[in-house]
Amino acid sequence: MRTPCIRVCSLDPLTGLCTGCGRTTDEIAGWMRFSDAERDAIMDSLPARLAALAPEQIRVPETTA
């Protein structure tokens, strides 16, 4: 199952979006129950959601060398 989770969970208090993946808490909690079509629709909306967050709010996973 595809997931946008990057394991950097931090909720933006203004928007309620995870600054790692862009989902709402309801979307995160219900991810396993959603149909493929519902998950795809959410995934399609995530780039715009993350772009709407201020750059300093967006979290990226740390890389290990």
PDB file of N, CA and C in Angstrom:
ATOM      1  N   MET A   1       0.846  -1.174   0.000  1.00  0.00           N
ATOM      2  CA  MET A   1       0.000   0.000   0.000  1.00  0.00           C
ATOM      3  C   MET A   1       0.895   1.242   0.000  1.00  0.00           C
ATOM      4  N   ARG A   2       0.603   2.157  -0.888  1.00  0.00           N
ATOM      5  CA  ARG A   2       1.346   3.418  -0.940  1.00  0.00           C
ATOM      6  C   ARG A   2       0.984   4.291   0.249  1.00  0.00           C
ATOM      7  N   THR A   3       1.960   5.012   0.739  1.00  0.00           N
ATOM      8  CA  THR A   3       1.735   5.965   1.813  1.00  0.00           C
ATOM      9  C   THR A   3       2.674   7.148   1.624  1.00  0.00           C
ATOM     10  N   PRO A   4       2.222   8.348   1.960  1.00  0.00           N
ATOM     11  CA  PRO A   4       3.086   9.516   1.844  1.00  0.00           C
ATOM     12  C   PRO A   4       3.934   9.744   3.096  1.00  0.00           C
ATOM     13  N   CYS A   5       3.780   8.889   4.081  1.00  0.00           N
ATOM     14  CA  CYS A   5       4.469   9.072   5.354  1.00  0.00           C
ATOM     15  C   CYS A   5       5.986   9.031   5.153  1.00  0.00           C
ATOM     16  N   ILE A   6       6.670  10.031   5.720  1.00  0.00           N
ATOM     17  CA  ILE A   6       8.129  10.055   5.681  1.00  0.00           C
ATOM     18  C   ILE A   6       8.702   9.911   7.093  1.00  0.00           C
ATOM     19  N   ARG A   7       7.844   9.534   8.019  1.00  0.00           N
ATOM     20  CA  ARG A   7       8.213   9.306   9.418  1.00  0.00           C
ATOM     21  C   ARG A   7       8.788  10.548  10.095  1.00  0.00           C
ATOM     22  N   VAL A   8       8.251  11.688   9.694  1.00  0.00           N
ATOM     23  CA  VAL A   8       8.584  12.958  10.331  1.00  0.00           C
ATOM     24  C   VAL A   8       7.238  13.596  10.673  1.00  0.00           C
ATOM     25  N   CYS A   9       6.690  13.212  11.804  1.00  0.00           N
ATOM     26  CA  CYS A   9       5.343  13.642  12.167  1.00  0.00           C
ATOM     27  C   CYS A   9       5.382  14.869  13.063  1.00  0.00           C
ATOM     28  N   SER A  10       4.816  15.933  12.558  1.00  0.00           N
ATOM     29  CA  SER A  10       4.708  17.176  13.309  1.00  0.00           C
ATOM     30  C   SER A  10       3.521  17.934  12.734  1.00  0.00           C
ATOM     31  N   LEU A  11       2.534  18.238  13.571  1.00  0.00           N
ATOM     32  CA  LEU A  11       1.339  18.914  13.085  1.00  0.00           C
ATOM     33  C   LEU A  11       1.495  20.423  13.161  1.00  0.00           C
ATOM     34  N   ASP A  12       1.138  21.076  12.061  1.00  0.00           N
ATOM     35  CA  ASP A  12       1.114  22.532  12.019  1.00  0.00           C
ATOM     36  C   ASP A  12      -0.121  22.995  12.775  1.00  0.00           C
ATOM     37  N   PRO A  13       0.035  23.830  13.808  1.00  0.00           N
ATOM     38  CA  PRO A  13      -1.121  24.239  14.609  1.00  0.00           C
ATOM     39  C   PRO A  13      -2.120  25.107  13.842  1.00  0.00           C
ATOM     40  N   LEU A  14      -1.684  25.820  12.816  1.00  0.00           N
ATOM     41  CA  LEU A  14      -2.593  26.669  12.048  1.00  0.00           C
ATOM     42  C   LEU A  14      -3.453  25.870  11.077  1.00  0.00           C
ATOM     43  N   THR A  15      -2.845  24.930  10.384  1.00  0.00           N
ATOM     44  CA  THR A  15      -3.573  24.197   9.345  1.00  0.00           C
ATOM     45  C   THR A  15      -4.042  22.820   9.789  1.00  0.00           C
ATOM     46  N   GLY A  16      -3.402  22.258  10.808  1.00  0.00           N
ATOM     47  CA  GLY A  16      -3.714  20.901  11.234  1.00  0.00           C
ATOM     48  C   GLY A  16      -3.097  19.848  10.347  1.00  0.00           C
ATOM     49  N   LEU A  17      -2.224  20.261   9.435  1.00  0.00           N
ATOM     50  CA  LEU A  17      -1.575  19.322   8.526  1.00  0.00           C
ATOM     51  C   LEU A  17      -0.260  18.840   9.098  1.00  0.00           C
ATOM     52  N   CYS A  18       0.071  17.596   8.794  1.00  0.00           N
ATOM     53  CA  CYS A  18       1.380  17.076   9.145  1.00  0.00           C
ATOM     54  C   CYS A  18       2.393  17.775   8.244  1.00  0.00           C
ATOM     55  N   THR A  19       3.426  18.333   8.830  1.00  0.00           N
ATOM     56  CA  THR A  19       4.424  19.044   8.032  1.00  0.00           C
ATOM     57  C   THR A  19       5.374  18.086   7.328  1.00  0.00           C
ATOM     58  N   GLY A  20       5.276  16.805   7.612  1.00  0.00           N
ATOM     59  CA  GLY A  20       6.086  15.813   6.907  1.00  0.00           C
ATOM     60  C   GLY A  20       5.407  15.314   5.653  1.00  0.00           C
ATOM     61  N   CYS A  21       4.108  14.968   5.762  1.00  0.00           N
ATOM     62  CA  CYS A  21       3.419  14.363   4.618  1.00  0.00           C
ATOM     63  C   CYS A  21       2.267  15.197   4.069  1.00  0.00           C
ATOM     64  N   GLY A  22       1.747  16.138   4.853  1.00  0.00           N
ATOM     65  CA  GLY A  22       0.666  16.989   4.384  1.00  0.00           C
ATOM     66  C   GLY A  22      -0.734  16.498   4.682  1.00  0.00           C
ATOM     67  N   ARG A  23      -0.847  15.345   5.362  1.00  0.00           N
ATOM     68  CA  ARG A  23      -2.181  14.827   5.676  1.00  0.00           C
ATOM     69  C   ARG A  23      -2.726  15.426   6.967  1.00  0.00           C
ATOM     70  N   THR A  24      -4.046  15.352   7.099  1.00  0.00           N
ATOM     71  CA  THR A  24      -4.703  15.734   8.344  1.00  0.00           C
ATOM     72  C   THR A  24      -4.635  14.557   9.316  1.00  0.00           C
ATOM     73  N   THR A  25      -4.943  14.815  10.578  1.00  0.00           N
ATOM     74  CA  THR A  25      -4.934  13.717  11.547  1.00  0.00           C
ATOM     75  C   THR A  25      -5.990  12.675  11.202  1.00  0.00           C
ATOM     76  N   ASP A  26      -7.140  13.108  10.695  1.00  0.00           N
ATOM     77  CA  ASP A  26      -8.182  12.153  10.290  1.00  0.00           C
ATOM     78  C   ASP A  26      -7.711  11.280   9.133  1.00  0.00           C
ATOM     79  N   GLU A  27      -6.995  11.876   8.195  1.00  0.00           N
ATOM     80  CA  GLU A  27      -6.476  11.103   7.069  1.00  0.00           C
ATOM     81  C   GLU A  27      -5.403  10.119   7.516  1.00  0.00           C
ATOM     82  N   ILE A  28      -4.560  10.543   8.434  1.00  0.00           N
ATOM     83  CA  ILE A  28      -3.522   9.651   8.955  1.00  0.00           C
ATOM     84  C   ILE A  28      -4.169   8.475   9.681  1.00  0.00           C
ATOM     85  N   ALA A  29      -5.136   8.783  10.539  1.00  0.00           N
ATOM     86  CA  ALA A  29      -5.788   7.739  11.329  1.00  0.00           C
ATOM     87  C   ALA A  29      -6.585   6.768  10.460  1.00  0.00           C
ATOM     88  N   GLY A  30      -7.182   7.254   9.383  1.00  0.00           N
ATOM     89  CA  GLY A  30      -8.038   6.412   8.563  1.00  0.00           C
ATOM     90  C   GLY A  30      -7.360   5.805   7.349  1.00  0.00           C
ATOM     91  N   TRP A  31      -6.072   6.045   7.188  1.00  0.00           N
ATOM     92  CA  TRP A  31      -5.365   5.638   5.969  1.00  0.00           C
ATOM     93  C   TRP A  31      -5.589   4.174   5.596  1.00  0.00           C
ATOM     94  N   MET A  32      -5.510   3.282   6.555  1.00  0.00           N
ATOM     95  CA  MET A  32      -5.655   1.843   6.276  1.00  0.00           C
ATOM     96  C   MET A  32      -7.082   1.488   5.850  1.00  0.00           C
ATOM     97  N   ARG A  33      -8.064   2.259   6.274  1.00  0.00           N
ATOM     98  CA  ARG A  33      -9.460   1.973   5.945  1.00  0.00           C
ATOM     99  C   ARG A  33      -9.887   2.565   4.601  1.00  0.00           C
ATOM    100  N   PHE A  34      -9.144   3.539   4.082  1.00  0.00           N
ATOM    101  CA  PHE A  34      -9.528   4.190   2.836  1.00  0.00           C
ATOM    102  C   PHE A  34      -9.348   3.248   1.652  1.00  0.00           C
ATOM    103  N   SER A  35     -10.150   3.465   0.631  1.00  0.00           N
ATOM    104  CA  SER A  35      -9.991   2.698  -0.610  1.00  0.00           C
ATOM    105  C   SER A  35      -8.757   3.226  -1.352  1.00  0.00           C
ATOM    106  N   ASP A  36      -8.308   2.464  -2.340  1.00  0.00           N
ATOM    107  CA  ASP A  36      -7.177   2.922  -3.153  1.00  0.00           C
ATOM    108  C   ASP A  36      -7.497   4.261  -3.809  1.00  0.00           C
ATOM    109  N   ALA A  37      -8.726   4.426  -4.277  1.00  0.00           N
ATOM    110  CA  ALA A  37      -9.129   5.673  -4.934  1.00  0.00           C
ATOM    111  C   ALA A  37      -9.087   6.848  -3.950  1.00  0.00           C
ATOM    112  N   GLU A  38      -9.533   6.611  -2.730  1.00  0.00           N
ATOM    113  CA  GLU A  38      -9.488   7.681  -1.723  1.00  0.00           C
ATOM    114  C   GLU A  38      -8.047   8.051  -1.392  1.00  0.00           C
ATOM    115  N   ARG A  39      -7.205   7.044  -1.215  1.00  0.00           N
ATOM    116  CA  ARG A  39      -5.791   7.320  -0.926  1.00  0.00           C
ATOM    117  C   ARG A  39      -5.133   8.059  -2.091  1.00  0.00           C
ATOM    118  N   ASP A  40      -5.432   7.655  -3.316  1.00  0.00           N
ATOM    119  CA  ASP A  40      -4.867   8.327  -4.490  1.00  0.00           C
ATOM    120  C   ASP A  40      -5.301   9.784  -4.557  1.00  0.00           C
ATOM    121  N   ALA A  41      -6.564  10.054  -4.260  1.00  0.00           N
ATOM    122  CA  ALA A  41      -7.058  11.433  -4.288  1.00  0.00           C
ATOM    123  C   ALA A  41      -6.344  12.281  -3.246  1.00  0.00           C
ATOM    124  N   ILE A  42      -6.146  11.729  -2.065  1.00  0.00           N
ATOM    125  CA  ILE A  42      -5.424  12.461  -1.013  1.00  0.00           C
ATOM    126  C   ILE A  42      -3.979  12.689  -1.444  1.00  0.00           C
ATOM    127  N   MET A  43      -3.338  11.640  -1.961  1.00  0.00           N
ATOM    128  CA  MET A  43      -1.943  11.753  -2.399  1.00  0.00           C
ATOM    129  C   MET A  43      -1.802  12.834  -3.467  1.00  0.00           C
ATOM    130  N   ASP A  44      -2.772  12.937  -4.363  1.00  0.00           N
ATOM    131  CA  ASP A  44      -2.725  13.955  -5.414  1.00  0.00           C
ATOM    132  C   ASP A  44      -2.797  15.371  -4.852  1.00  0.00           C
ATOM    133  N   SER A  45      -3.462  15.533  -3.709  1.00  0.00           N
ATOM    134  CA  SER A  45      -3.623  16.872  -3.119  1.00  0.00           C
ATOM    135  C   SER A  45      -2.447  17.292  -2.235  1.00  0.00           C
ATOM    136  N   LEU A  46      -1.589  16.356  -1.874  1.00  0.00           N
ATOM    137  CA  LEU A  46      -0.526  16.656  -0.904  1.00  0.00           C
ATOM    138  C   LEU A  46       0.514  17.668  -1.385  1.00  0.00           C
ATOM    139  N   PRO A  47       0.980  17.630  -2.630  1.00  0.00           N
ATOM    140  CA  PRO A  47       1.968  18.643  -3.042  1.00  0.00           C
ATOM    141  C   PRO A  47       1.463  20.079  -2.860  1.00  0.00           C
ATOM    142  N   ALA A  48       0.211  20.322  -3.200  1.00  0.00           N
ATOM    143  CA  ALA A  48      -0.344  21.670  -3.036  1.00  0.00           C
ATOM    144  C   ALA A  48      -0.472  22.035  -1.563  1.00  0.00           C
ATOM    145  N   ARG A  49      -0.863  21.075  -0.750  1.00  0.00           N
ATOM    146  CA  ARG A  49      -0.966  21.341   0.691  1.00  0.00           C
ATOM    147  C   ARG A  49       0.393  21.705   1.282  1.00  0.00           C
ATOM    148  N   LEU A  50       1.409  20.912   0.939  1.00  0.00           N
ATOM    149  CA  LEU A  50       2.747  21.176   1.470  1.00  0.00           C
ATOM    150  C   LEU A  50       3.298  22.492   0.934  1.00  0.00           C
ATOM    151  N   ALA A  51       2.989  22.827  -0.308  1.00  0.00           N
ATOM    152  CA  ALA A  51       3.447  24.092  -0.882  1.00  0.00           C
ATOM    153  C   ALA A  51       2.819  25.284  -0.176  1.00  0.00           C
ATOM    154  N   ALA A  52       1.616  25.096   0.384  1.00  0.00           N
ATOM    155  CA  ALA A  52       0.935  26.187   1.074  1.00  0.00           C
ATOM    156  C   ALA A  52       1.525  26.444   2.461  1.00  0.00           C
ATOM    157  N   LEU A  53       2.251  25.480   3.006  1.00  0.00           N
ATOM    158  CA  LEU A  53       2.901  25.682   4.298  1.00  0.00           C
ATOM    159  C   LEU A  53       4.114  26.584   4.109  1.00  0.00           C
ATOM    160  N   ALA A  54       4.432  27.349   5.125  1.00  0.00           N
ATOM    161  CA  ALA A  54       5.635  28.172   5.073  1.00  0.00           C
ATOM    162  C   ALA A  54       6.848  27.258   4.973  1.00  0.00           C
ATOM    163  N   PRO A  55       7.859  27.656   4.210  1.00  0.00           N
ATOM    164  CA  PRO A  55       9.030  26.782   4.007  1.00  0.00           C
ATOM    165  C   PRO A  55       9.671  26.288   5.301  1.00  0.00           C
ATOM    166  N   GLU A  56       9.696  27.101   6.332  1.00  0.00           N
ATOM    167  CA  GLU A  56      10.327  26.669   7.579  1.00  0.00           C
ATOM    168  C   GLU A  56       9.499  25.635   8.333  1.00  0.00           C
ATOM    169  N   GLN A  57       8.260  25.416   7.910  1.00  0.00           N
ATOM    170  CA  GLN A  57       7.403  24.430   8.560  1.00  0.00           C
ATOM    171  C   GLN A  57       7.553  23.051   7.952  1.00  0.00           C
ATOM    172  N   ILE A  58       7.985  22.969   6.724  1.00  0.00           N
ATOM    173  CA  ILE A  58       8.051  21.688   6.023  1.00  0.00           C
ATOM    174  C   ILE A  58       9.240  20.894   6.546  1.00  0.00           C
ATOM    175  N   ARG A  59       8.974  19.664   6.944  1.00  0.00           N
ATOM    176  CA  ARG A  59       9.996  18.800   7.505  1.00  0.00           C
ATOM    177  C   ARG A  59      10.423  17.790   6.454  1.00  0.00           C
ATOM    178  N   VAL A  60      11.680  17.499   6.424  1.00  0.00           N
ATOM    179  CA  VAL A  60      12.184  16.465   5.518  1.00  0.00           C
ATOM    180  C   VAL A  60      12.891  15.425   6.364  1.00  0.00           C
ATOM    181  N   PRO A  61      12.869  14.179   5.936  1.00  0.00           N
ATOM    182  CA  PRO A  61      13.541  13.145   6.731  1.00  0.00           C
ATOM    183  C   PRO A  61      15.044  13.343   6.718  1.00  0.00           C
ATOM    184  N   GLU A  62      15.659  13.002   7.832  1.00  0.00           N
ATOM    185  CA  GLU A  62      17.110  13.060   7.901  1.00  0.00           C
ATOM    186  C   GLU A  62      17.683  11.880   7.151  1.00  0.00           C
ATOM    187  N   THR A  63      18.769  12.105   6.449  1.00  0.00           N
ATOM    188  CA  THR A  63      19.398  11.022   5.724  1.00  0.00           C
ATOM    189  C   THR A  63      20.560  10.499   6.548  1.00  0.00           C
ATOM    190  N   THR A  64      20.786   9.237   6.431  1.00  0.00           N
ATOM    191  CA  THR A  64      21.931   8.642   7.118  1.00  0.00           C
ATOM    192  C   THR A  64      22.932   8.210   6.084  1.00  0.00           C
ATOM    193  N   ALA A  65      24.155   8.537   6.323  1.00  0.00           N
ATOM    194  CA  ALA A  65      25.202   8.201   5.351  1.00  0.00           C
ATOM    195  C   ALA A  65      25.878   6.904   5.702  1.00  0.00           C
TER     196      ALA A  65
END
